[in-house]
Structure formats: structure tokens, C-alpha cells
Amino acid sequence: MSDNRSFGTAAEVRALDFLRAKGYTLLQTNYRYRKAEVDLIVRKENLIVCVEVKARSYLYYGDPASFVSKKKIKLLALAMDFYMQQMDPELEVRFDIISIHLNGKKWIIDHLEGAFEILE
């Protein structure tokens, strides 16, 4: 496994731990639909949350959340539309970004709720 891949996997584990501590329940990891991959799908009460995890070892090139492209947003929306058709279309869906970076050896986690509305 490459260093970048293992760093990304470690970031997803930390993101999931962070969400669980906030009361979210895991439904799916690395959900794939066509060309889209959703890092985490979690639930809290009647809310299904699509979580894109972005991690960087440093912030030299900018905040990790800024690397979510419009194309990625469209793919995530498509994947979640299909997922919800299989699930319960009555539940509300929200799209979040968890941005993670290292400050020395400390992992810094920022949870951007309803991120795609903010990014538009």
C-alpha cells in the first residue's frame, strides 16, 4: 500500500471515530456507484450524511476541503440519489466534508456540515 493511500485510509478511520463520538452511526464505507465513491455514509436520527474525507499532511497548498471539485460534487450527488432509492427516500440527505491535516504529529479535524451549499 502506498504512503498516500495509507495516509488517506488513516484519515478516514479518524473521521469515522470523530463522527461516532458525535453520535453518528456508520451505514457504509467507500460506497461505489458508477464512477463515484462516497467515503462514508453515516446516519444520525432521520438524517443520512454523505461524507467526503479530504486529508493533507500539511496546508501548504490550501485547506483540504478546497480540493473537492464541482465534478466530484456531481458524482457524489448521483451516487447518493441511487443509494437513497435503495434505502428510504423519505429521509433527509446532507453532504459534509471532513477536512483533516497534520500539525506536527497531531491530527486536526474540521467538520463542514452542509458543505456543498457553502461551496456553491
Protein backbone atom coordinates (compact mmCIF):
# COMPACT_ATOMS: atom_id res chain seq x y z
CA MET A 1 0.00 0.00 0.00
CA SER A 2 1.41 3.41 -0.91
CA ASP A 3 2.11 6.04 1.73
CA ASN A 4 -0.59 8.33 0.27
CA ARG A 5 -3.16 5.52 0.31
CA SER A 6 -2.33 4.53 3.89
CA PHE A 7 -2.47 8.20 4.97
CA GLY A 8 -5.91 8.52 3.35
CA THR A 9 -7.13 5.32 5.00
CA ALA A 10 -5.87 6.53 8.40
CA ALA A 11 -7.69 9.84 7.85
CA GLU A 12 -10.96 8.03 7.04
CA VAL A 13 -10.63 5.98 10.24
CA ARG A 14 -10.10 9.15 12.27
CA ALA A 15 -13.04 10.83 10.54
CA LEU A 16 -15.28 7.89 11.38
CA ASP A 17 -14.14 7.88 15.02
CA PHE A 18 -14.85 11.64 15.15
CA LEU A 19 -18.37 11.15 13.74
CA ARG A 20 -19.16 8.24 16.05
CA ALA A 21 -18.16 10.41 19.02
CA LYS A 22 -20.74 12.95 17.79
CA GLY A 23 -23.48 10.30 17.71
CA TYR A 24 -23.41 9.22 14.05
CA THR A 25 -23.83 5.58 13.04
CA LEU A 26 -21.90 4.10 10.12
CA LEU A 27 -24.00 2.78 7.24
CA GLN A 28 -21.38 2.32 4.51
CA THR A 29 -17.72 2.96 3.75
CA ASN A 30 -16.31 3.52 0.28
CA TYR A 31 -19.72 3.16 -1.37
CA ARG A 32 -19.34 3.00 -5.15
CA TYR A 33 -21.84 3.85 -7.84
CA ARG A 34 -20.64 4.17 -11.42
CA LYS A 35 -17.61 6.50 -11.30
CA ALA A 36 -18.41 7.88 -7.84
CA GLU A 37 -17.07 6.79 -4.49
CA VAL A 38 -18.55 8.06 -1.24
CA ASP A 39 -16.01 7.82 1.57
CA LEU A 40 -18.52 7.48 4.41
CA ILE A 41 -22.29 7.27 4.64
CA VAL A 42 -23.49 7.84 8.18
CA ARG A 43 -26.80 8.35 9.93
CA LYS A 44 -27.90 10.49 12.84
CA GLU A 45 -31.57 10.17 13.72
CA ASN A 46 -33.54 10.80 10.48
CA LEU A 47 -30.59 12.31 8.62
CA ILE A 48 -28.36 10.45 6.17
CA VAL A 49 -25.00 12.15 5.66
CA CYS A 50 -22.66 11.68 2.71
CA VAL A 51 -19.16 12.45 3.97
CA GLU A 52 -16.23 13.30 1.75
CA VAL A 53 -12.97 12.97 3.68
CA LYS A 54 -10.10 15.15 2.47
CA ALA A 55 -6.70 14.88 4.13
CA ARG A 56 -3.35 16.55 3.69
CA SER A 57 -0.15 16.16 5.62
CA TYR A 58 0.29 19.95 5.57
CA LEU A 59 -1.63 23.03 4.44
CA TYR A 60 0.94 24.49 2.05
CA TYR A 61 -1.42 24.20 -0.94
CA GLY A 62 -4.57 25.12 0.99
CA ASP A 63 -7.30 23.63 3.11
CA PRO A 64 -8.12 20.03 2.18
CA ALA A 65 -11.83 20.90 1.72
CA SER A 66 -10.91 23.26 -1.11
CA PHE A 67 -9.89 20.22 -3.20
CA VAL A 68 -13.48 18.98 -3.63
CA SER A 69 -14.25 19.77 -7.28
CA LYS A 70 -17.63 20.53 -8.86
CA LYS A 71 -17.28 17.26 -10.78
CA LYS A 72 -16.80 15.36 -7.50
CA ILE A 73 -19.87 17.07 -6.02
CA LYS A 74 -21.98 15.99 -9.02
CA LEU A 75 -20.71 12.41 -8.76
CA LEU A 76 -21.46 12.27 -5.04
CA ALA A 77 -24.97 13.62 -5.62
CA LEU A 78 -25.57 10.97 -8.29
CA ALA A 79 -24.31 8.18 -6.03
CA MET A 80 -26.40 9.34 -3.09
CA ASP A 81 -29.50 9.64 -5.25
CA PHE A 82 -29.10 5.99 -6.22
CA TYR A 83 -28.26 4.96 -2.65
CA MET A 84 -31.36 6.68 -1.27
CA GLN A 85 -33.59 4.98 -3.82
CA GLN A 86 -32.41 1.67 -2.33
CA MET A 87 -32.75 2.99 1.21
CA ASP A 88 -35.58 5.27 2.35
CA PRO A 89 -36.24 8.21 0.02
CA GLU A 90 -38.18 9.95 2.81
CA LEU A 91 -35.03 10.57 4.87
CA GLU A 92 -33.18 13.86 4.51
CA VAL A 93 -29.69 13.81 2.97
CA ARG A 94 -26.86 16.19 3.79
CA PHE A 95 -23.40 16.44 2.22
CA ASP A 96 -20.50 17.09 4.59
CA ILE A 97 -16.74 17.38 4.24
CA ILE A 98 -14.33 16.30 6.91
CA SER A 99 -11.06 18.09 6.39
CA ILE A 100 -8.02 16.58 8.13
CA HIS A 101 -4.43 17.72 8.30
CA LEU A 102 -1.42 17.14 10.48
CA ASN A 103 0.02 19.75 12.80
CA GLY A 104 3.27 18.10 13.72
CA LYS A 105 2.07 14.69 14.86
CA LYS A 106 -1.40 15.89 15.87
CA TRP A 107 -4.39 15.24 13.60
CA ILE A 108 -6.58 18.35 13.15
CA ILE A 109 -10.17 17.59 12.13
CA ASP A 110 -12.66 20.13 10.78
CA HIS A 111 -16.26 19.05 10.11
CA LEU A 112 -18.01 21.18 7.50
CA GLU A 113 -21.73 20.35 7.71
CA GLY A 114 -23.84 21.06 4.63
CA ALA A 115 -20.61 21.78 2.81
CA PHE A 116 -21.86 21.77 -0.76
CA GLU A 117 -24.34 24.56 -0.10
CA ILE A 118 -21.45 26.57 1.35
CA LEU A 119 -19.09 25.81 -1.55
CA GLU A 120 -21.54 26.83 -4.31
